[in-house]
PDB file of N, CA and C in Angstrom:
ATOM      1  N   UNK A   1     113.973  87.886  99.409  1.00  0.00           N
ATOM      2  CA  UNK A   1     113.246  89.135  99.377  1.00  0.00           C
ATOM      3  C   UNK A   1     114.082  90.168 100.115  1.00  0.00           C
ATOM      4  N   UNK A   2     114.546  91.202  99.407  1.00  0.00           N
ATOM      5  CA  UNK A   2     115.382  92.211 100.037  1.00  0.00           C
ATOM      6  C   UNK A   2     114.963  93.601  99.574  1.00  0.00           C
ATOM      7  N   UNK A   3     114.100  94.220 100.378  1.00  0.00           N
ATOM      8  CA  UNK A   3     113.576  95.541 100.045  1.00  0.00           C
ATOM      9  C   UNK A   3     114.677  96.597 100.128  1.00  0.00           C
ATOM     10  N   UNK A   4     115.607  96.450 101.052  1.00  0.00           N
ATOM     11  CA  UNK A   4     116.717  97.399 101.159  1.00  0.00           C
ATOM     12  C   UNK A   4     117.540  97.397  99.876  1.00  0.00           C
ATOM     13  N   UNK A   5     117.840  96.222  99.354  1.00  0.00           N
ATOM     14  CA  UNK A   5     118.622  96.126  98.118  1.00  0.00           C
ATOM     15  C   UNK A   5     117.880  96.793  96.959  1.00  0.00           C
ATOM     16  N   UNK A   6     116.569  96.626  96.906  1.00  0.00           N
ATOM     17  CA  UNK A   6     115.774  97.254  95.848  1.00  0.00           C
ATOM     18  C   UNK A   6     115.886  98.767  95.901  1.00  0.00           C
ATOM     19  N   UNK A   7     116.051  99.321  97.105  1.00  0.00           N
ATOM     20  CA  UNK A   7     116.189 100.767  97.254  1.00  0.00           C
ATOM     21  C   UNK A   7     117.520 101.277  96.712  1.00  0.00           C
ATOM     22  N   UNK A   8     118.439 100.384  96.365  1.00  0.00           N
ATOM     23  CA  UNK A   8     119.685 100.805  95.729  1.00  0.00           C
ATOM     24  C   UNK A   8     119.423 101.529  94.419  1.00  0.00           C
ATOM     25  N   UNK A   9     118.274 101.260  93.813  1.00  0.00           N
ATOM     26  CA  UNK A   9     117.859 101.943  92.586  1.00  0.00           C
ATOM     27  C   UNK A   9     116.853 103.048  92.875  1.00  0.00           C
ATOM     28  N   UNK A  10     116.761 103.490  94.143  1.00  0.00           N
ATOM     29  CA  UNK A  10     115.873 104.585  94.510  1.00  0.00           C
ATOM     30  C   UNK A  10     114.408 104.186  94.483  1.00  0.00           C
ATOM     31  N   UNK A  11     113.511 105.187  94.497  1.00  0.00           N
ATOM     32  CA  UNK A  11     112.075 104.899  94.525  1.00  0.00           C
ATOM     33  C   UNK A  11     111.599 104.027  93.366  1.00  0.00           C
ATOM     34  N   UNK A  12     112.200 104.156  92.204  1.00  0.00           N
ATOM     35  CA  UNK A  12     111.788 103.318  91.064  1.00  0.00           C
ATOM     36  C   UNK A  12     112.124 101.851  91.330  1.00  0.00           C
ATOM     37  N   UNK A  13     113.263 101.579  91.928  1.00  0.00           N
ATOM     38  CA  UNK A  13     113.624 100.204  92.281  1.00  0.00           C
ATOM     39  C   UNK A  13     112.677  99.629  93.311  1.00  0.00           C
ATOM     40  N   UNK A  14     112.272 100.475  94.279  1.00  0.00           N
ATOM     41  CA  UNK A  14     111.313 100.022  95.286  1.00  0.00           C
ATOM     42  C   UNK A  14     109.968  99.709  94.647  1.00  0.00           C
ATOM     43  N   UNK A  15     109.560 100.539  93.682  1.00  0.00           N
ATOM     44  CA  UNK A  15     108.302 100.285  92.978  1.00  0.00           C
ATOM     45  C   UNK A  15     108.352  98.942  92.256  1.00  0.00           C
ATOM     46  N   UNK A  16     109.439  98.664  91.564  1.00  0.00           N
ATOM     47  CA  UNK A  16     109.582  97.383  90.867  1.00  0.00           C
ATOM     48  C   UNK A  16     109.504  96.215  91.849  1.00  0.00           C
ATOM     49  N   UNK A  17     110.142  96.370  93.000  1.00  0.00           N
ATOM     50  CA  UNK A  17     110.125  95.338  94.033  1.00  0.00           C
ATOM     51  C   UNK A  17     108.690  95.079  94.501  1.00  0.00           C
ATOM     52  N   UNK A  18     107.953  96.167  94.774  1.00  0.00           N
ATOM     53  CA  UNK A  18     106.588  96.016  95.275  1.00  0.00           C
ATOM     54  C   UNK A  18     105.650  95.414  94.245  1.00  0.00           C
ATOM     55  N   UNK A  19     105.920  95.638  92.978  1.00  0.00           N
ATOM     56  CA  UNK A  19     105.054  95.091  91.938  1.00  0.00           C
ATOM     57  C   UNK A  19     105.049  93.567  91.947  1.00  0.00           C
ATOM     58  N   UNK A  20     106.087  92.950  92.491  1.00  0.00           N
ATOM     59  CA  UNK A  20     106.126  91.485  92.537  1.00  0.00           C
ATOM     60  C   UNK A  20     106.120  90.921  93.952  1.00  0.00           C
ATOM     61  N   UNK A  21     106.430  91.729  94.956  1.00  0.00           N
ATOM     62  CA  UNK A  21     106.554  91.210  96.321  1.00  0.00           C
ATOM     63  C   UNK A  21     105.520  91.749  97.295  1.00  0.00           C
ATOM     64  N   UNK A  22     104.703  92.688  96.868  1.00  0.00           N
ATOM     65  CA  UNK A  22     103.640  93.166  97.735  1.00  0.00           C
ATOM     66  C   UNK A  22     102.471  92.188  97.640  1.00  0.00           C
ATOM     67  N   UNK A  23     101.599  92.206  98.629  1.00  0.00           N
ATOM     68  CA  UNK A  23     100.410  91.369  98.625  1.00  0.00           C
ATOM     69  C   UNK A  23      99.655  91.647  97.321  1.00  0.00           C
ATOM     70  N   UNK A  24      99.270  90.613  96.564  1.00  0.00           N
ATOM     71  CA  UNK A  24      98.739  90.813  95.213  1.00  0.00           C
ATOM     72  C   UNK A  24      97.684  91.913  95.036  1.00  0.00           C
ATOM     73  N   UNK A  25      96.675  92.055  95.921  1.00  0.00           N
ATOM     74  CA  UNK A  25      95.720  93.146  95.689  1.00  0.00           C
ATOM     75  C   UNK A  25      96.349  94.546  95.774  1.00  0.00           C
ATOM     76  N   UNK A  26      97.508  94.665  96.417  1.00  0.00           N
ATOM     77  CA  UNK A  26      98.181  95.962  96.545  1.00  0.00           C
ATOM     78  C   UNK A  26      99.177  96.230  95.420  1.00  0.00           C
ATOM     79  N   UNK A  27      99.549  95.212  94.647  1.00  0.00           N
ATOM     80  CA  UNK A  27     100.604  95.378  93.647  1.00  0.00           C
ATOM     81  C   UNK A  27     100.276  96.444  92.611  1.00  0.00           C
ATOM     82  N   UNK A  28      99.011  96.589  92.246  1.00  0.00           N
ATOM     83  CA  UNK A  28      98.627  97.538  91.205  1.00  0.00           C
ATOM     84  C   UNK A  28      98.878  98.992  91.612  1.00  0.00           C
ATOM     85  N   UNK A  29      99.011  99.277  92.906  1.00  0.00           N
ATOM     86  CA  UNK A  29      99.200 100.648  93.381  1.00  0.00           C
ATOM     87  C   UNK A  29     100.651 100.972  93.735  1.00  0.00           C
ATOM     88  N   UNK A  30     101.595 100.130  93.320  1.00  0.00           N
ATOM     89  CA  UNK A  30     103.006 100.327  93.692  1.00  0.00           C
ATOM     90  C   UNK A  30     103.541 101.683  93.254  1.00  0.00           C
ATOM     91  N   UNK A  31     103.039 102.206  92.136  1.00  0.00           N
ATOM     92  CA  UNK A  31     103.491 103.519  91.668  1.00  0.00           C
ATOM     93  C   UNK A  31     103.143 104.621  92.657  1.00  0.00           C
ATOM     94  N   UNK A  32     102.087 104.435  93.452  1.00  0.00           N
ATOM     95  CA  UNK A  32     101.703 105.453  94.432  1.00  0.00           C
ATOM     96  C   UNK A  32     102.732 105.568  95.547  1.00  0.00           C
ATOM     97  N   UNK A  33     103.342 104.447  95.952  1.00  0.00           N
ATOM     98  CA  UNK A  33     104.418 104.509  96.947  1.00  0.00           C
ATOM     99  C   UNK A  33     105.618 105.264  96.365  1.00  0.00           C
ATOM    100  N   UNK A  34     105.965 104.964  95.114  1.00  0.00           N
ATOM    101  CA  UNK A  34     107.090 105.647  94.476  1.00  0.00           C
ATOM    102  C   UNK A  34     106.838 107.146  94.417  1.00  0.00           C
ATOM    103  N   UNK A  35     105.660 107.554  93.955  1.00  0.00           N
ATOM    104  CA  UNK A  35     105.364 108.984  93.834  1.00  0.00           C
ATOM    105  C   UNK A  35     105.371 109.673  95.185  1.00  0.00           C
ATOM    106  N   UNK A  36     104.822 109.002  96.207  1.00  0.00           N
ATOM    107  CA  UNK A  36     104.818 109.572  97.552  1.00  0.00           C
ATOM    108  C   UNK A  36     106.246 109.777  98.057  1.00  0.00           C
ATOM    109  N   UNK A  37     107.101 108.775  97.852  1.00  0.00           N
ATOM    110  CA  UNK A  37     108.503 108.902  98.272  1.00  0.00           C
ATOM    111  C   UNK A  37     109.214 110.004  97.494  1.00  0.00           C
ATOM    112  N   UNK A  38     108.972 110.090  96.197  1.00  0.00           N
ATOM    113  CA  UNK A  38     109.612 111.135  95.395  1.00  0.00           C
ATOM    114  C   UNK A  38     109.170 112.518  95.844  1.00  0.00           C
ATOM    115  N   UNK A  39     107.877 112.692  96.137  1.00  0.00           N
ATOM    116  CA  UNK A  39     107.363 113.978  96.599  1.00  0.00           C
ATOM    117  C   UNK A  39     107.977 114.394  97.931  1.00  0.00           C
ATOM    118  N   UNK A  40     108.273 113.420  98.776  1.00  0.00           N
ATOM    119  CA  UNK A  40     108.892 113.711 100.079  1.00  0.00           C
ATOM    120  C   UNK A  40     110.405 113.774  99.985  1.00  0.00           C
ATOM    121  N   UNK A  41     110.962 113.557  98.800  1.00  0.00           N
ATOM    122  CA  UNK A  41     112.409 113.633  98.606  1.00  0.00           C
ATOM    123  C   UNK A  41     113.172 112.449  99.173  1.00  0.00           C
ATOM    124  N   UNK A  42     112.496 111.303  99.328  1.00  0.00           N
ATOM    125  CA  UNK A  42     113.158 110.112  99.859  1.00  0.00           C
ATOM    126  C   UNK A  42     114.121 109.566  98.803  1.00  0.00           C
ATOM    127  N   UNK A  43     115.361 109.378  99.211  1.00  0.00           N
ATOM    128  CA  UNK A  43     116.373 108.857  98.292  1.00  0.00           C
ATOM    129  C   UNK A  43     116.804 107.442  98.636  1.00  0.00           C
ATOM    130  N   UNK A  44     116.565 107.033  99.883  1.00  0.00           N
ATOM    131  CA  UNK A  44     117.029 105.710 100.303  1.00  0.00           C
ATOM    132  C   UNK A  44     116.263 105.272 101.540  1.00  0.00           C
ATOM    133  N   UNK A  45     116.034 103.963 101.633  1.00  0.00           N
ATOM    134  CA  UNK A  45     115.475 103.356 102.844  1.00  0.00           C
ATOM    135  C   UNK A  45     116.276 102.105 103.142  1.00  0.00           C
ATOM    136  N   UNK A  46     116.609 101.936 104.400  1.00  0.00           N
ATOM    137  CA  UNK A  46     117.322 100.739 104.849  1.00  0.00           C
ATOM    138  C   UNK A  46     116.464 100.083 105.923  1.00  0.00           C
ATOM    139  N   UNK A  47     116.166  98.805 105.724  1.00  0.00           N
ATOM    140  CA  UNK A  47     115.320  98.047 106.634  1.00  0.00           C
ATOM    141  C   UNK A  47     116.160  97.040 107.399  1.00  0.00           C
ATOM    142  N   UNK A  48     115.926  96.959 108.710  1.00  0.00           N
ATOM    143  CA  UNK A  48     116.647  96.008 109.540  1.00  0.00           C
ATOM    144  C   UNK A  48     115.640  95.179 110.331  1.00  0.00           C
ATOM    145  N   UNK A  49     115.660  93.894 110.089  1.00  0.00           N
ATOM    146  CA  UNK A  49     114.761  92.966 110.760  1.00  0.00           C
ATOM    147  C   UNK A  49     115.346  92.564 112.103  1.00  0.00           C
ATOM    148  N   UNK A  50     114.521  92.593 113.137  1.00  0.00           N
ATOM    149  CA  UNK A  50     114.891  92.055 114.443  1.00  0.00           C
ATOM    150  C   UNK A  50     114.462  90.587 114.435  1.00  0.00           C
ATOM    151  N   UNK A  51     115.388  89.709 114.048  1.00  0.00           N
ATOM    152  CA  UNK A  51     115.064  88.299 113.815  1.00  0.00           C
ATOM    153  C   UNK A  51     114.448  87.598 115.015  1.00  0.00           C
ATOM    154  N   UNK A  52     114.820  88.002 116.213  1.00  0.00           N
ATOM    155  CA  UNK A  52     114.292  87.310 117.396  1.00  0.00           C
ATOM    156  C   UNK A  52     112.806  87.613 117.629  1.00  0.00           C
ATOM    157  N   UNK A  53     112.239  88.573 116.887  1.00  0.00           N
ATOM    158  CA  UNK A  53     110.824  88.903 117.060  1.00  0.00           C
ATOM    159  C   UNK A  53     109.916  88.196 116.061  1.00  0.00           C
ATOM    160  N   UNK A  54     110.457  87.456 115.127  1.00  0.00           N
ATOM    161  CA  UNK A  54     109.646  86.799 114.090  1.00  0.00           C
ATOM    162  C   UNK A  54     108.830  85.668 114.710  1.00  0.00           C
ATOM    163  N   UNK A  55     107.538  85.711 114.472  1.00  0.00           N
ATOM    164  CA  UNK A  55     106.675  84.654 114.989  1.00  0.00           C
ATOM    165  C   UNK A  55     105.397  84.533 114.189  1.00  0.00           C
ATOM    166  N   UNK A  56     104.856  83.339 114.141  1.00  0.00           N
ATOM    167  CA  UNK A  56     103.606  83.073 113.437  1.00  0.00           C
ATOM    168  C   UNK A  56     102.480  83.871 114.083  1.00  0.00           C
ATOM    169  N   UNK A  57     101.622  84.472 113.272  1.00  0.00           N
ATOM    170  CA  UNK A  57     100.494  85.273 113.761  1.00  0.00           C
ATOM    171  C   UNK A  57      99.231  84.769 113.057  1.00  0.00           C
ATOM    172  N   UNK A  58      98.698  83.658 113.536  1.00  0.00           N
ATOM    173  CA  UNK A  58      97.585  82.976 112.869  1.00  0.00           C
ATOM    174  C   UNK A  58      96.310  83.807 112.772  1.00  0.00           C
ATOM    175  N   UNK A  59      96.079  84.684 113.713  1.00  0.00           N
ATOM    176  CA  UNK A  59      94.824  85.430 113.737  1.00  0.00           C
ATOM    177  C   UNK A  59      94.870  86.787 113.069  1.00  0.00           C
ATOM    178  N   UNK A  60      96.003  87.153 112.473  1.00  0.00           N
ATOM    179  CA  UNK A  60      96.137  88.503 111.924  1.00  0.00           C
ATOM    180  C   UNK A  60      95.241  88.724 110.716  1.00  0.00           C
ATOM    181  N   UNK A  61      94.608  89.879 110.697  1.00  0.00           N
ATOM    182  CA  UNK A  61      93.842  90.337 109.537  1.00  0.00           C
ATOM    183  C   UNK A  61      94.354  91.720 109.174  1.00  0.00           C
ATOM    184  N   UNK A  62      94.187  92.106 107.937  1.00  0.00           N
ATOM    185  CA  UNK A  62      94.638  93.420 107.477  1.00  0.00           C
ATOM    186  C   UNK A  62      93.860  94.468 108.265  1.00  0.00           C
ATOM    187  N   UNK A  63      94.580  95.373 108.972  1.00  0.00           N
ATOM    188  CA  UNK A  63      93.928  96.242 109.943  1.00  0.00           C
ATOM    189  C   UNK A  63      93.251  97.494 109.389  1.00  0.00           C
ATOM    190  N   UNK A  64      93.567  97.905 108.151  1.00  0.00           N
ATOM    191  CA  UNK A  64      93.000  99.169 107.673  1.00  0.00           C
ATOM    192  C   UNK A  64      92.997  99.209 106.154  1.00  0.00           C
ATOM    193  N   UNK A  65      92.422 100.245 105.624  1.00  0.00           N
ATOM    194  CA  UNK A  65      92.405 100.430 104.186  1.00  0.00           C
ATOM    195  C   UNK A  65      91.324  99.615 103.499  1.00  0.00           C
ATOM    196  N   UNK A  66      91.452  99.493 102.184  1.00  0.00           N
ATOM    197  CA  UNK A  66      90.423  98.840 101.381  1.00  0.00           C
ATOM    198  C   UNK A  66      90.276  97.352 101.671  1.00  0.00           C
ATOM    199  N   UNK A  67      91.298  96.738 102.250  1.00  0.00           N
ATOM    200  CA  UNK A  67      91.250  95.301 102.558  1.00  0.00           C
ATOM    201  C   UNK A  67      91.061  95.030 104.051  1.00  0.00           C
ATOM    202  N   UNK A  68      90.650  96.040 104.797  1.00  0.00           N
ATOM    203  CA  UNK A  68      90.476  95.909 106.243  1.00  0.00           C
ATOM    204  C   UNK A  68      89.628  94.690 106.576  1.00  0.00           C
ATOM    205  N   UNK A  69      90.135  93.895 107.523  1.00  0.00           N
ATOM    206  CA  UNK A  69      89.421  92.714 107.990  1.00  0.00           C
ATOM    207  C   UNK A  69      89.692  91.449 107.203  1.00  0.00           C
ATOM    208  N   UNK A  70      90.404  91.563 106.088  1.00  0.00           N
ATOM    209  CA  UNK A  70      90.692  90.384 105.257  1.00  0.00           C
ATOM    210  C   UNK A  70      91.828  89.572 105.881  1.00  0.00           C
ATOM    211  N   UNK A  71      91.629  88.263 105.926  1.00  0.00           N
ATOM    212  CA  UNK A  71      92.698  87.360 106.369  1.00  0.00           C
ATOM    213  C   UNK A  71      93.423  86.888 105.120  1.00  0.00           C
ATOM    214  N   UNK A  72      94.702  87.239 105.006  1.00  0.00           N
ATOM    215  CA  UNK A  72      95.440  86.828 103.804  1.00  0.00           C
ATOM    216  C   UNK A  72      95.695  85.323 103.796  1.00  0.00           C
ATOM    217  N   UNK A  73      95.926  84.794 102.595  1.00  0.00           N
ATOM    218  CA  UNK A  73      96.243  83.385 102.457  1.00  0.00           C
ATOM    219  C   UNK A  73      97.647  83.085 102.947  1.00  0.00           C
ATOM    220  N   UNK A  74      97.915  81.842 103.167  1.00  0.00           N
ATOM    221  CA  UNK A  74      99.251  81.419 103.586  1.00  0.00           C
ATOM    222  C   UNK A  74      99.481  81.588 105.077  1.00  0.00           C
ATOM    223  N   UNK A  75     100.734  81.419 105.454  1.00  0.00           N
ATOM    224  CA  UNK A  75     101.147  81.615 106.846  1.00  0.00           C
ATOM    225  C   UNK A  75     101.569  83.066 107.012  1.00  0.00           C
ATOM    226  N   UNK A  76     101.080  83.717 108.060  1.00  0.00           N
ATOM    227  CA  UNK A  76     101.394  85.121 108.316  1.00  0.00           C
ATOM    228  C   UNK A  76     102.315  85.203 109.528  1.00  0.00           C
ATOM    229  N   UNK A  77     103.387  85.961 109.363  1.00  0.00           N
ATOM    230  CA  UNK A  77     104.362  86.167 110.426  1.00  0.00           C
ATOM    231  C   UNK A  77     104.402  87.639 110.814  1.00  0.00           C
ATOM    232  N   UNK A  78     104.496  87.893 112.116  1.00  0.00           N
ATOM    233  CA  UNK A  78     104.693  89.239 112.639  1.00  0.00           C
ATOM    234  C   UNK A  78     106.170  89.397 112.973  1.00  0.00           C
ATOM    235  N   UNK A  79     106.674  90.613 112.842  1.00  0.00           N
ATOM    236  CA  UNK A  79     108.070  90.884 113.159  1.00  0.00           C
ATOM    237  C   UNK A  79     108.281  92.373 113.344  1.00  0.00           C
ATOM    238  N   UNK A  80     109.342  92.725 114.068  1.00  0.00           N
ATOM    239  CA  UNK A  80     109.708  94.130 114.223  1.00  0.00           C
ATOM    240  C   UNK A  80     110.782  94.468 113.193  1.00  0.00           C
ATOM    241  N   UNK A  81     110.579  95.615 112.563  1.00  0.00           N
ATOM    242  CA  UNK A  81     111.508  96.092 111.540  1.00  0.00           C
ATOM    243  C   UNK A  81     111.819  97.552 111.818  1.00  0.00           C
ATOM    244  N   UNK A  82     113.106  97.887 111.787  1.00  0.00           N
ATOM    245  CA  UNK A  82     113.540  99.277 111.871  1.00  0.00           C
ATOM    246  C   UNK A  82     113.785  99.774 110.460  1.00  0.00           C
ATOM    247  N   UNK A  83     113.513 101.049 110.260  1.00  0.00           N
ATOM    248  CA  UNK A  83     113.655 101.636 108.938  1.00  0.00           C
ATOM    249  C   UNK A  83     114.397 102.965 109.066  1.00  0.00           C
ATOM    250  N   UNK A  84     115.470 103.111 108.316  1.00  0.00           N
ATOM    251  CA  UNK A  84     116.198 104.380 108.250  1.00  0.00           C
ATOM    252  C   UNK A  84     115.850 105.018 106.918  1.00  0.00           C
ATOM    253  N   UNK A  85     115.178 106.152 106.970  1.00  0.00           N
ATOM    254  CA  UNK A  85     114.715 106.844 105.772  1.00  0.00           C
ATOM    255  C   UNK A  85     115.610 108.055 105.540  1.00  0.00           C
ATOM    256  N   UNK A  86     116.189 108.124 104.344  1.00  0.00           N
ATOM    257  CA  UNK A  86     117.071 109.232 103.990  1.00  0.00           C
ATOM    258  C   UNK A  86     116.392 110.089 102.932  1.00  0.00           C
ATOM    259  N   UNK A  87     116.362 111.392 103.203  1.00  0.00           N
ATOM    260  CA  UNK A  87     115.844 112.353 102.234  1.00  0.00           C
ATOM    261  C   UNK A  87     116.950 113.353 101.934  1.00  0.00           C
ATOM    262  N   UNK A  88     116.681 114.268 101.019  1.00  0.00           N
ATOM    263  CA  UNK A  88     117.663 115.299 100.702  1.00  0.00           C
ATOM    264  C   UNK A  88     117.935 116.205 101.908  1.00  0.00           C
ATOM    265  N   UNK A  89     117.032 116.185 102.910  1.00  0.00           N
ATOM    266  CA  UNK A  89     117.178 117.031 104.101  1.00  0.00           C
ATOM    267  C   UNK A  89     117.787 116.319 105.302  1.00  0.00           C
ATOM    268  N   UNK A  90     118.012 115.011 105.221  1.00  0.00           N
ATOM    269  CA  UNK A  90     118.576 114.280 106.349  1.00  0.00           C
ATOM    270  C   UNK A  90     117.997 112.887 106.457  1.00  0.00           C
ATOM    271  N   UNK A  91     118.132 112.295 107.642  1.00  0.00           N
ATOM    272  CA  UNK A  91     117.671 110.926 107.872  1.00  0.00           C
ATOM    273  C   UNK A  91     116.809 110.865 109.119  1.00  0.00           C
ATOM    274  N   UNK A  92     115.926 109.901 109.143  1.00  0.00           N
ATOM    275  CA  UNK A  92     115.080 109.659 110.307  1.00  0.00           C
ATOM    276  C   UNK A  92     114.890 108.161 110.461  1.00  0.00           C
ATOM    277  N   UNK A  93     114.872 107.708 111.692  1.00  0.00           N
ATOM    278  CA  UNK A  93     114.680 106.286 111.978  1.00  0.00           C
ATOM    279  C   UNK A  93     113.283 106.071 112.542  1.00  0.00           C
ATOM    280  N   UNK A  94     112.636 105.035 112.068  1.00  0.00           N
ATOM    281  CA  UNK A  94     111.340 104.622 112.595  1.00  0.00           C
ATOM    282  C   UNK A  94     111.371 103.110 112.756  1.00  0.00           C
ATOM    283  N   UNK A  95     110.544 102.607 113.637  1.00  0.00           N
ATOM    284  CA  UNK A  95     110.465 101.156 113.783  1.00  0.00           C
ATOM    285  C   UNK A  95     109.048 100.779 114.163  1.00  0.00           C
ATOM    286  N   UNK A  96     108.727  99.548 113.904  1.00  0.00           N
ATOM    287  CA  UNK A  96     107.403  99.070 114.243  1.00  0.00           C
ATOM    288  C   UNK A  96     107.225  97.639 113.825  1.00  0.00           C
ATOM    289  N   UNK A  97     106.041  97.131 114.123  1.00  0.00           N
ATOM    290  CA  UNK A  97     105.726  95.759 113.752  1.00  0.00           C
ATOM    291  C   UNK A  97     105.198  95.737 112.324  1.00  0.00           C
ATOM    292  N   UNK A  98     105.564  94.720 111.602  1.00  0.00           N
ATOM    293  CA  UNK A  98     105.040  94.505 110.258  1.00  0.00           C
ATOM    294  C   UNK A  98     104.683  93.036 110.108  1.00  0.00           C
ATOM    295  N   UNK A  99     104.019  92.735 109.028  1.00  0.00           N
ATOM    296  CA  UNK A  99     103.612  91.366 108.757  1.00  0.00           C
ATOM    297  C   UNK A  99     104.032  90.961 107.357  1.00  0.00           C
ATOM    298  N   UNK A 100     104.319  89.683 107.204  1.00  0.00           N
ATOM    299  CA  UNK A 100     104.663  89.093 105.915  1.00  0.00           C
ATOM    300  C   UNK A 100     103.913  87.773 105.828  1.00  0.00           C
ATOM    301  N   UNK A 101     103.336  87.504 104.656  1.00  0.00           N
ATOM    302  CA  UNK A 101     102.709  86.196 104.472  1.00  0.00           C
ATOM    303  C   UNK A 101     103.573  85.360 103.542  1.00  0.00           C
ATOM    304  N   UNK A 102     103.566  84.075 103.788  1.00  0.00           N
ATOM    305  CA  UNK A 102     104.222  83.111 102.907  1.00  0.00           C
ATOM    306  C   UNK A 102     103.100  82.261 102.326  1.00  0.00           C
ATOM    307  N   UNK A 103     102.854  82.444 101.036  1.00  0.00           N
ATOM    308  CA  UNK A 103     101.773  81.740 100.371  1.00  0.00           C
ATOM    309  C   UNK A 103     102.339  81.053  99.135  1.00  0.00           C
ATOM    310  N   UNK A 104     102.218  79.732  99.091  1.00  0.00           N
ATOM    311  CA  UNK A 104     102.787  78.940  97.999  1.00  0.00           C
ATOM    312  C   UNK A 104     104.273  79.246  97.814  1.00  0.00           C
ATOM    313  N   UNK A 105     105.000  79.302  98.921  1.00  0.00           N
ATOM    314  CA  UNK A 105     106.454  79.536  98.982  1.00  0.00           C
ATOM    315  C   UNK A 105     106.854  80.940  98.536  1.00  0.00           C
ATOM    316  N   UNK A 106     105.909  81.855  98.383  1.00  0.00           N
ATOM    317  CA  UNK A 106     106.208  83.219  97.956  1.00  0.00           C
ATOM    318  C   UNK A 106     105.882  84.187  99.096  1.00  0.00           C
ATOM    319  N   UNK A 107     106.869  84.974  99.547  1.00  0.00           N
ATOM    320  CA  UNK A 107     106.598  85.954 100.598  1.00  0.00           C
ATOM    321  C   UNK A 107     105.949  87.220 100.026  1.00  0.00           C
ATOM    322  N   UNK A 108     105.068  87.813 100.820  1.00  0.00           N
ATOM    323  CA  UNK A 108     104.406  89.055 100.423  1.00  0.00           C
ATOM    324  C   UNK A 108     104.407  90.042 101.580  1.00  0.00           C
ATOM    325  N   UNK A 109     104.693  91.299 101.259  1.00  0.00           N
ATOM    326  CA  UNK A 109     104.557  92.409 102.200  1.00  0.00           C
ATOM    327  C   UNK A 109     103.116  92.901 102.168  1.00  0.00           C
ATOM    328  N   UNK A 110     102.783  93.810 103.068  1.00  0.00           N
ATOM    329  CA  UNK A 110     101.449  94.398 103.111  1.00  0.00           C
ATOM    330  C   UNK A 110     101.560  95.913 103.136  1.00  0.00           C
ATOM    331  N   UNK A 111     102.030  96.503 102.042  1.00  0.00           N
ATOM    332  CA  UNK A 111     102.130  97.959 101.952  1.00  0.00           C
ATOM    333  C   UNK A 111     100.978  98.487 101.114  1.00  0.00           C
ATOM    334  N   UNK A 112     100.060  99.167 101.776  1.00  0.00           N
ATOM    335  CA  UNK A 112      98.894  99.746 101.110  1.00  0.00           C
ATOM    336  C   UNK A 112      99.307 101.115 100.572  1.00  0.00           C
ATOM    337  N   UNK A 113      99.848 101.123  99.349  1.00  0.00           N
ATOM    338  CA  UNK A 113     100.399 102.357  98.774  1.00  0.00           C
ATOM    339  C   UNK A 113      99.339 103.434  98.585  1.00  0.00           C
ATOM    340  N   UNK A 114      98.090 103.051  98.297  1.00  0.00           N
ATOM    341  CA  UNK A 114      97.023 104.048  98.148  1.00  0.00           C
ATOM    342  C   UNK A 114      96.804 104.771  99.471  1.00  0.00           C
ATOM    343  N   UNK A 115      96.795 104.018 100.587  1.00  0.00           N
ATOM    344  CA  UNK A 115      96.609 104.623 101.907  1.00  0.00           C
ATOM    345  C   UNK A 115      97.816 105.485 102.279  1.00  0.00           C
ATOM    346  N   UNK A 116      99.013 104.982 102.006  1.00  0.00           N
ATOM    347  CA  UNK A 116     100.250 105.727 102.318  1.00  0.00           C
ATOM    348  C   UNK A 116     100.274 107.040 101.544  1.00  0.00           C
ATOM    349  N   UNK A 117      99.947 106.985 100.259  1.00  0.00           N
ATOM    350  CA  UNK A 117      99.974 108.195  99.429  1.00  0.00           C
ATOM    351  C   UNK A 117      98.941 109.214  99.889  1.00  0.00           C
ATOM    352  N   UNK A 118      97.751 108.756 100.262  1.00  0.00           N
ATOM    353  CA  UNK A 118      96.718 109.710 100.698  1.00  0.00           C
ATOM    354  C   UNK A 118      97.082 110.330 102.044  1.00  0.00           C
ATOM    355  N   UNK A 119      97.763 109.577 102.904  1.00  0.00           N
ATOM    356  CA  UNK A 119      98.168 110.106 104.204  1.00  0.00           C
ATOM    357  C   UNK A 119      99.290 111.137 104.087  1.00  0.00           C
ATOM    358  N   UNK A 120     100.149 110.969 103.083  1.00  0.00           N
ATOM    359  CA  UNK A 120     101.291 111.885 102.942  1.00  0.00           C
ATOM    360  C   UNK A 120     100.974 113.054 102.022  1.00  0.00           C
ATOM    361  N   UNK A 121      99.890 112.968 101.275  1.00  0.00           N
ATOM    362  CA  UNK A 121      99.566 113.995 100.307  1.00  0.00           C
ATOM    363  C   UNK A 121      98.585 114.953 100.847  1.00  0.00           C
TER     364      UNK A 121
END
């Protein structure tokens, strides 16, 4: 799973990535992340995992949005990820904790594109 590599094709590549690698209830809204990024002029995102922060998070539940309070299936891991976002106007770095679940040997992200789009729009 390499979200940075998917960004090599811009927002459309990221949308394709999310359609198969986002948590299944969120996959249908992947186009909203693409549109939000396009509206903000995002041309590239580079993600860097801090491997020493990866750890099992058995009690994690989805904290907000339409799935708030839901415990996803599989094993859930917490980790810190830095993100370098490039737009036509420059670059900005952000970092924070994220979660990934491994369910039936398939990893899933938790990007609520509907929430992201409404917050940026």
